PDB file of N, CA and C in Angstrom:
ATOM      1  N   MET A   1       0.535  -1.124   0.464  1.00  0.00           N
ATOM      2  CA  MET A   1       0.174   0.263  -0.010  1.00  0.00           C
ATOM      3  C   MET A   1       1.348   1.425  -0.132  1.00  0.00           C
ATOM      4  N   ILE A   2       0.128   2.552  -0.242  1.00  0.00           N
ATOM      5  CA  ILE A   2       1.294   3.233  -0.862  1.00  0.00           C
ATOM      6  C   ILE A   2       0.305   4.396   0.298  1.00  0.00           C
ATOM      7  N   VAL A   3       1.563   5.554   0.893  1.00  0.00           N
ATOM      8  CA  VAL A   3       0.713   6.713   1.606  1.00  0.00           C
ATOM      9  C   VAL A   3      -0.732   6.863   1.387  1.00  0.00           C
ATOM     10  N   GLU A   4      -0.618   7.875  -0.086  1.00  0.00           N
ATOM     11  CA  GLU A   4      -1.490   7.633  -0.701  1.00  0.00           C
ATOM     12  C   GLU A   4      -3.073   6.967  -0.448  1.00  0.00           C
ATOM     13  N   ASP A   5      -2.951   6.062  -0.901  1.00  0.00           N
ATOM     14  CA  ASP A   5      -4.085   4.659   0.006  1.00  0.00           C
ATOM     15  C   ASP A   5      -3.497   4.902   1.190  1.00  0.00           C
ATOM     16  N   PHE A   6      -3.289   4.618   2.221  1.00  0.00           N
ATOM     17  CA  PHE A   6      -3.273   4.189   3.461  1.00  0.00           C
ATOM     18  C   PHE A   6      -3.787   5.868   3.760  1.00  0.00           C
ATOM     19  N   ILE A   7      -3.702   7.031   3.693  1.00  0.00           N
ATOM     20  CA  ILE A   7      -4.643   8.062   3.752  1.00  0.00           C
ATOM     21  C   ILE A   7      -6.301   8.406   3.338  1.00  0.00           C
ATOM     22  N   LYS A   8      -5.926   7.462   2.071  1.00  0.00           N
ATOM     23  CA  LYS A   8      -7.523   7.351   1.598  1.00  0.00           C
ATOM     24  C   LYS A   8      -8.603   6.272   3.100  1.00  0.00           C
ATOM     25  N   TRP A   9      -7.318   5.876   3.069  1.00  0.00           N
ATOM     26  CA  TRP A   9      -8.387   4.600   4.285  1.00  0.00           C
ATOM     27  C   TRP A   9      -8.273   4.833   5.175  1.00  0.00           C
ATOM     28  N   LEU A  10      -7.613   5.857   5.704  1.00  0.00           N
ATOM     29  CA  LEU A  10      -8.026   6.790   7.227  1.00  0.00           C
ATOM     30  C   LEU A  10      -8.285   7.508   7.843  1.00  0.00           C
ATOM     31  N   GLN A  11      -9.098   8.149   6.448  1.00  0.00           N
ATOM     32  CA  GLN A  11     -10.384   9.032   6.017  1.00  0.00           C
ATOM     33  C   GLN A  11     -11.706   8.256   6.609  1.00  0.00           C
ATOM     34  N   THR A  12     -11.515   6.888   6.555  1.00  0.00           N
ATOM     35  CA  THR A  12     -12.726   6.424   6.520  1.00  0.00           C
ATOM     36  C   THR A  12     -12.722   5.493   7.807  1.00  0.00           C
ATOM     37  N   GLN A  13     -11.682   5.793   8.477  1.00  0.00           N
ATOM     38  CA  GLN A  13     -11.886   5.336   9.778  1.00  0.00           C
ATOM     39  C   GLN A  13     -12.438   6.862  10.931  1.00  0.00           C
ATOM     40  N   ASP A  14     -12.867   6.214  12.336  1.00  0.00           N
ATOM     41  CA  ASP A  14     -13.162   7.469  13.322  1.00  0.00           C
ATOM     42  C   ASP A  14     -12.204   8.278  13.709  1.00  0.00           C
ATOM     43  N   GLN A  15     -11.958   9.597  12.846  1.00  0.00           N
ATOM     44  CA  GLN A  15     -11.287  10.282  13.389  1.00  0.00           C
ATOM     45  C   GLN A  15     -10.456  10.971  14.397  1.00  0.00           C
ATOM     46  N   SER A  16     -11.822  10.217  15.616  1.00  0.00           N
ATOM     47  CA  SER A  16     -11.355  10.854  16.834  1.00  0.00           C
ATOM     48  C   SER A  16     -10.722   9.392  17.517  1.00  0.00           C
ATOM     49  N   ALA A  17     -10.697   8.166  16.739  1.00  0.00           N
ATOM     50  CA  ALA A  17      -9.785   6.783  17.243  1.00  0.00           C
ATOM     51  C   ALA A  17      -8.850   7.719  17.778  1.00  0.00           C
ATOM     52  N   THR A  18      -8.074   6.339  19.264  1.00  0.00           N
ATOM     53  CA  THR A  18      -6.402   6.577  19.622  1.00  0.00           C
ATOM     54  C   THR A  18      -5.925   6.002  18.473  1.00  0.00           C
ATOM     55  N   VAL A  19      -4.639   6.326  17.769  1.00  0.00           N
ATOM     56  CA  VAL A  19      -3.501   5.074  17.081  1.00  0.00           C
ATOM     57  C   VAL A  19      -3.298   5.060  17.996  1.00  0.00           C
ATOM     58  N   GLU A  20      -3.011   2.938  18.234  1.00  0.00           N
ATOM     59  CA  GLU A  20      -2.389   2.118  18.961  1.00  0.00           C
ATOM     60  C   GLU A  20      -0.922   1.901  17.724  1.00  0.00           C
ATOM     61  N   ILE A  21      -0.159   1.133  18.507  1.00  0.00           N
ATOM     62  CA  ILE A  21       0.846   0.914  17.112  1.00  0.00           C
ATOM     63  C   ILE A  21       1.212  -0.478  18.567  1.00  0.00           C
ATOM     64  N   LEU A  22       1.518  -1.732  17.189  1.00  0.00           N
ATOM     65  CA  LEU A  22       2.618  -2.773  18.029  1.00  0.00           C
ATOM     66  C   LEU A  22       4.059  -3.018  17.993  1.00  0.00           C
ATOM     67  N   VAL A  23       4.310  -2.753  19.303  1.00  0.00           N
ATOM     68  CA  VAL A  23       6.240  -2.765  19.121  1.00  0.00           C
ATOM     69  C   VAL A  23       6.481  -3.786  19.878  1.00  0.00           C
ATOM     70  N   GLY A  24       7.825  -4.685  19.215  1.00  0.00           N
ATOM     71  CA  GLY A  24       8.457  -5.249  18.988  1.00  0.00           C
ATOM     72  C   GLY A  24       9.540  -5.856  20.000  1.00  0.00           C
ATOM     73  N   GLU A  25       9.978  -6.931  20.959  1.00  0.00           N
ATOM     74  CA  GLU A  25      10.820  -6.278  21.414  1.00  0.00           C
ATOM     75  C   GLU A  25      11.978  -8.048  21.468  1.00  0.00           C
ATOM     76  N   ARG A  26      12.928  -7.654  20.883  1.00  0.00           N
ATOM     77  CA  ARG A  26      13.326  -9.229  20.621  1.00  0.00           C
ATOM     78  C   ARG A  26      14.170 -10.353  22.157  1.00  0.00           C
ATOM     79  N   ALA A  27      13.773 -11.528  21.876  1.00  0.00           N
ATOM     80  CA  ALA A  27      14.042 -12.440  23.372  1.00  0.00           C
ATOM     81  C   ALA A  27      15.229 -12.171  23.333  1.00  0.00           C
ATOM     82  N   ARG A  28      14.752 -12.181  25.055  1.00  0.00           N
ATOM     83  CA  ARG A  28      16.275 -12.213  25.596  1.00  0.00           C
ATOM     84  C   ARG A  28      16.600 -13.955  25.863  1.00  0.00           C
ATOM     85  N   SER A  29      15.576 -14.653  25.775  1.00  0.00           N
ATOM     86  CA  SER A  29      15.734 -16.356  26.066  1.00  0.00           C
ATOM     87  C   SER A  29      15.172 -16.809  25.293  1.00  0.00           C
ATOM     88  N   TYR A  30      14.599 -18.190  25.888  1.00  0.00           N
ATOM     89  CA  TYR A  30      14.224 -18.977  24.627  1.00  0.00           C
ATOM     90  C   TYR A  30      11.939 -19.093  24.622  1.00  0.00           C
ATOM     91  N   GLU A  31      12.054 -18.221  24.754  1.00  0.00           N
ATOM     92  CA  GLU A  31      10.807 -17.698  25.292  1.00  0.00           C
ATOM     93  C   GLU A  31      10.009 -17.463  24.391  1.00  0.00           C
ATOM     94  N   GLY A  32      10.750 -16.583  23.836  1.00  0.00           N
ATOM     95  CA  GLY A  32      10.114 -16.367  21.852  1.00  0.00           C
ATOM     96  C   GLY A  32      10.597 -13.973  22.197  1.00  0.00           C
ATOM     97  N   ASP A  33       9.986 -13.453  21.367  1.00  0.00           N
ATOM     98  CA  ASP A  33       9.842 -12.642  20.809  1.00  0.00           C
ATOM     99  C   ASP A  33       8.740 -11.620  21.663  1.00  0.00           C
ATOM    100  N   ASN A  34       8.719 -10.461  22.631  1.00  0.00           N
ATOM    101  CA  ASN A  34       7.063 -10.017  22.960  1.00  0.00           C
ATOM    102  C   ASN A  34       6.665  -8.615  22.040  1.00  0.00           C
ATOM    103  N   TYR A  35       5.617  -8.832  22.229  1.00  0.00           N
ATOM    104  CA  TYR A  35       5.175  -7.203  20.936  1.00  0.00           C
ATOM    105  C   TYR A  35       3.918  -7.255  22.689  1.00  0.00           C
ATOM    106  N   PHE A  36       3.526  -5.482  21.800  1.00  0.00           N
ATOM    107  CA  PHE A  36       2.545  -4.754  23.100  1.00  0.00           C
ATOM    108  C   PHE A  36       2.389  -3.796  22.110  1.00  0.00           C
ATOM    109  N   LYS A  37       0.759  -2.900  22.573  1.00  0.00           N
ATOM    110  CA  LYS A  37       0.313  -2.657  21.935  1.00  0.00           C
ATOM    111  C   LYS A  37       0.713  -0.904  22.938  1.00  0.00           C
ATOM    112  N   THR A  38       1.104  -0.081  21.719  1.00  0.00           N
ATOM    113  CA  THR A  38       1.271   1.223  22.660  1.00  0.00           C
ATOM    114  C   THR A  38       1.012   2.395  21.652  1.00  0.00           C
ATOM    115  N   ASP A  39       0.012   3.865  22.362  1.00  0.00           N
ATOM    116  CA  ASP A  39       0.287   4.637  21.447  1.00  0.00           C
ATOM    117  C   ASP A  39       1.205   5.112  20.310  1.00  0.00           C
ATOM    118  N   PHE A  40       0.770   5.473  19.611  1.00  0.00           N
ATOM    119  CA  PHE A  40       0.973   6.583  18.648  1.00  0.00           C
ATOM    120  C   PHE A  40       1.850   7.288  18.731  1.00  0.00           C
ATOM    121  N   ASP A  41       3.152   6.991  18.508  1.00  0.00           N
ATOM    122  CA  ASP A  41       4.141   8.446  18.009  1.00  0.00           C
ATOM    123  C   ASP A  41       5.281   8.864  17.806  1.00  0.00           C
ATOM    124  N   PRO A  42       4.734   9.994  16.885  1.00  0.00           N
ATOM    125  CA  PRO A  42       5.713   9.592  15.056  1.00  0.00           C
ATOM    126  C   PRO A  42       7.112   9.999  15.712  1.00  0.00           C
ATOM    127  N   GLU A  43       7.205  10.381  16.830  1.00  0.00           N
ATOM    128  CA  GLU A  43       8.332  10.793  17.030  1.00  0.00           C
ATOM    129  C   GLU A  43       9.497   9.456  17.281  1.00  0.00           C
ATOM    130  N   LYS A  44       9.181   8.548  17.842  1.00  0.00           N
ATOM    131  CA  LYS A  44       9.560   7.399  18.243  1.00  0.00           C
ATOM    132  C   LYS A  44       9.560   6.302  17.769  1.00  0.00           C
ATOM    133  N   HIS A  45       8.058   6.772  16.477  1.00  0.00           N
ATOM    134  CA  HIS A  45       7.614   4.897  15.266  1.00  0.00           C
ATOM    135  C   HIS A  45       7.757   5.446  14.340  1.00  0.00           C
ATOM    136  N   VAL A  46       8.191   5.936  13.717  1.00  0.00           N
ATOM    137  CA  VAL A  46       8.282   6.252  12.269  1.00  0.00           C
ATOM    138  C   VAL A  46      10.396   5.779  11.487  1.00  0.00           C
ATOM    139  N   ASP A  47       9.687   5.285  10.486  1.00  0.00           N
ATOM    140  CA  ASP A  47      11.373   5.320   9.478  1.00  0.00           C
ATOM    141  C   ASP A  47      10.908   5.377   8.766  1.00  0.00           C
ATOM    142  N   TYR A  48      11.411   6.748   8.021  1.00  0.00           N
ATOM    143  CA  TYR A  48      11.467   6.421   6.793  1.00  0.00           C
ATOM    144  C   TYR A  48      12.524   5.898   5.865  1.00  0.00           C
ATOM    145  N   THR A  49      12.570   5.378   5.041  1.00  0.00           N
ATOM    146  CA  THR A  49      13.666   4.519   3.869  1.00  0.00           C
ATOM    147  C   THR A  49      13.954   5.358   2.742  1.00  0.00           C
ATOM    148  N   ASP A  50      15.249   5.790   2.443  1.00  0.00           N
ATOM    149  CA  ASP A  50      14.444   6.257   0.643  1.00  0.00           C
ATOM    150  C   ASP A  50      16.057   5.333   0.125  1.00  0.00           C
ATOM    151  N   MET A  51      16.079   4.636  -0.724  1.00  0.00           N
ATOM    152  CA  MET A  51      17.063   4.121  -1.533  1.00  0.00           C
ATOM    153  C   MET A  51      17.128   4.432  -2.761  1.00  0.00           C
ATOM    154  N   ARG A  52      16.709   5.200  -3.372  1.00  0.00           N
ATOM    155  CA  ARG A  52      17.160   6.365  -4.806  1.00  0.00           C
ATOM    156  C   ARG A  52      18.247   6.982  -4.256  1.00  0.00           C
ATOM    157  N   GLY A  53      18.932   6.121  -5.976  1.00  0.00           N
ATOM    158  CA  GLY A  53      20.480   6.960  -5.790  1.00  0.00           C
ATOM    159  C   GLY A  53      21.616   5.965  -4.697  1.00  0.00           C
ATOM    160  N   ASN A  54      20.843   4.897  -3.897  1.00  0.00           N
ATOM    161  CA  ASN A  54      21.962   4.202  -3.299  1.00  0.00           C
ATOM    162  C   ASN A  54      22.840   3.375  -3.700  1.00  0.00           C
ATOM    163  N   LYS A  55      23.960   3.884  -4.155  1.00  0.00           N
ATOM    164  CA  LYS A  55      25.001   3.409  -4.715  1.00  0.00           C
ATOM    165  C   LYS A  55      25.000   1.700  -4.567  1.00  0.00           C
ATOM    166  N   PHE A  56      24.436   1.064  -3.369  1.00  0.00           N
ATOM    167  CA  PHE A  56      24.488  -0.043  -2.817  1.00  0.00           C
ATOM    168  C   PHE A  56      23.826  -1.131  -3.098  1.00  0.00           C
ATOM    169  N   ALA A  57      22.813   0.171  -3.302  1.00  0.00           N
ATOM    170  CA  ALA A  57      21.602  -0.710  -4.038  1.00  0.00           C
ATOM    171  C   ALA A  57      20.896  -1.151  -5.286  1.00  0.00           C
ATOM    172  N   ILE A  58      22.182  -0.607  -6.092  1.00  0.00           N
ATOM    173  CA  ILE A  58      22.269  -1.116  -7.417  1.00  0.00           C
ATOM    174  C   ILE A  58      21.323  -2.642  -6.976  1.00  0.00           C
ATOM    175  N   GLY A  59      21.373  -2.388  -8.230  1.00  0.00           N
ATOM    176  CA  GLY A  59      20.876  -3.989  -9.683  1.00  0.00           C
ATOM    177  C   GLY A  59      19.799  -5.017  -7.650  1.00  0.00           C
ATOM    178  N   LYS A  60      19.465  -4.144  -6.718  1.00  0.00           N
ATOM    179  CA  LYS A  60      18.622  -5.080  -5.684  1.00  0.00           C
ATOM    180  C   LYS A  60      17.013  -5.319  -5.803  1.00  0.00           C
ATOM    181  N   PRO A  61      16.268  -5.713  -4.713  1.00  0.00           N
ATOM    182  CA  PRO A  61      15.468  -5.585  -5.403  1.00  0.00           C
ATOM    183  C   PRO A  61      14.789  -4.264  -4.382  1.00  0.00           C
ATOM    184  N   TYR A  62      15.219  -3.805  -3.952  1.00  0.00           N
ATOM    185  CA  TYR A  62      15.385  -2.537  -2.965  1.00  0.00           C
ATOM    186  C   TYR A  62      15.727  -1.568  -4.025  1.00  0.00           C
ATOM    187  N   GLU A  63      16.097  -1.462  -5.170  1.00  0.00           N
ATOM    188  CA  GLU A  63      16.571   0.085  -5.752  1.00  0.00           C
ATOM    189  C   GLU A  63      15.875   1.032  -6.376  1.00  0.00           C
ATOM    190  N   ASN A  64      16.254   2.363  -5.082  1.00  0.00           N
ATOM    191  CA  ASN A  64      14.643   2.915  -5.907  1.00  0.00           C
ATOM    192  C   ASN A  64      13.556   3.019  -5.008  1.00  0.00           C
ATOM    193  N   ALA A  65      13.144   2.599  -3.994  1.00  0.00           N
ATOM    194  CA  ALA A  65      12.382   1.771  -2.789  1.00  0.00           C
ATOM    195  C   ALA A  65      12.326   3.044  -1.929  1.00  0.00           C
ATOM    196  N   ARG A  66      10.755   3.309  -1.809  1.00  0.00           N
ATOM    197  CA  ARG A  66      11.182   4.331  -0.497  1.00  0.00           C
ATOM    198  C   ARG A  66      10.048   3.836  -0.012  1.00  0.00           C
ATOM    199  N   THR A  67      10.742   3.287   1.720  1.00  0.00           N
ATOM    200  CA  THR A  67       9.169   2.354   2.698  1.00  0.00           C
ATOM    201  C   THR A  67       9.174   3.400   3.831  1.00  0.00           C
ATOM    202  N   LEU A  68       7.947   3.633   3.909  1.00  0.00           N
ATOM    203  CA  LEU A  68       7.819   4.465   5.674  1.00  0.00           C
ATOM    204  C   LEU A  68       6.930   3.401   6.387  1.00  0.00           C
ATOM    205  N   PHE A  69       7.982   2.589   7.780  1.00  0.00           N
ATOM    206  CA  PHE A  69       7.935   1.684   8.541  1.00  0.00           C
ATOM    207  C   PHE A  69       6.920   2.741   9.822  1.00  0.00           C
ATOM    208  N   LEU A  70       6.008   1.985   9.907  1.00  0.00           N
ATOM    209  CA  LEU A  70       5.368   2.856  11.061  1.00  0.00           C
ATOM    210  C   LEU A  70       5.679   1.353  12.577  1.00  0.00           C
ATOM    211  N   GLY A  71       5.335   1.127  13.151  1.00  0.00           N
ATOM    212  CA  GLY A  71       6.199   1.008  14.307  1.00  0.00           C
ATOM    213  C   GLY A  71       7.616   0.673  15.188  1.00  0.00           C
ATOM    214  N   GLU A  72       7.550   0.301  16.469  1.00  0.00           N
ATOM    215  CA  GLU A  72       9.449  -0.408  16.234  1.00  0.00           C
ATOM    216  C   GLU A  72       9.314  -1.946  16.526  1.00  0.00           C
ATOM    217  N   ALA A  73      10.476  -1.957  16.863  1.00  0.00           N
ATOM    218  CA  ALA A  73      11.148  -3.413  16.627  1.00  0.00           C
ATOM    219  C   ALA A  73      12.852  -3.067  16.982  1.00  0.00           C
ATOM    220  N   GLU A  74      13.210  -3.839  18.485  1.00  0.00           N
ATOM    221  CA  GLU A  74      14.356  -3.795  18.680  1.00  0.00           C
ATOM    222  C   GLU A  74      15.068  -5.007  18.469  1.00  0.00           C
TER     223      GLU A  74
END
């Protein structure tokens, strides 16, 4: 999904609802990773990557890719 379509979808949602996201914590033992919900904070939970012009991405599937990651993974 591209950002334009995501915005259109968001506009169909309850505009007064609180936005929560899933945050993952890497396991420190054999029990497996942990996940929890938290309120979305753009300062902490947004990671934009732009691979356009990146010489190390040439010929790779992600060459010229632009991605917006929402969430947090440790």
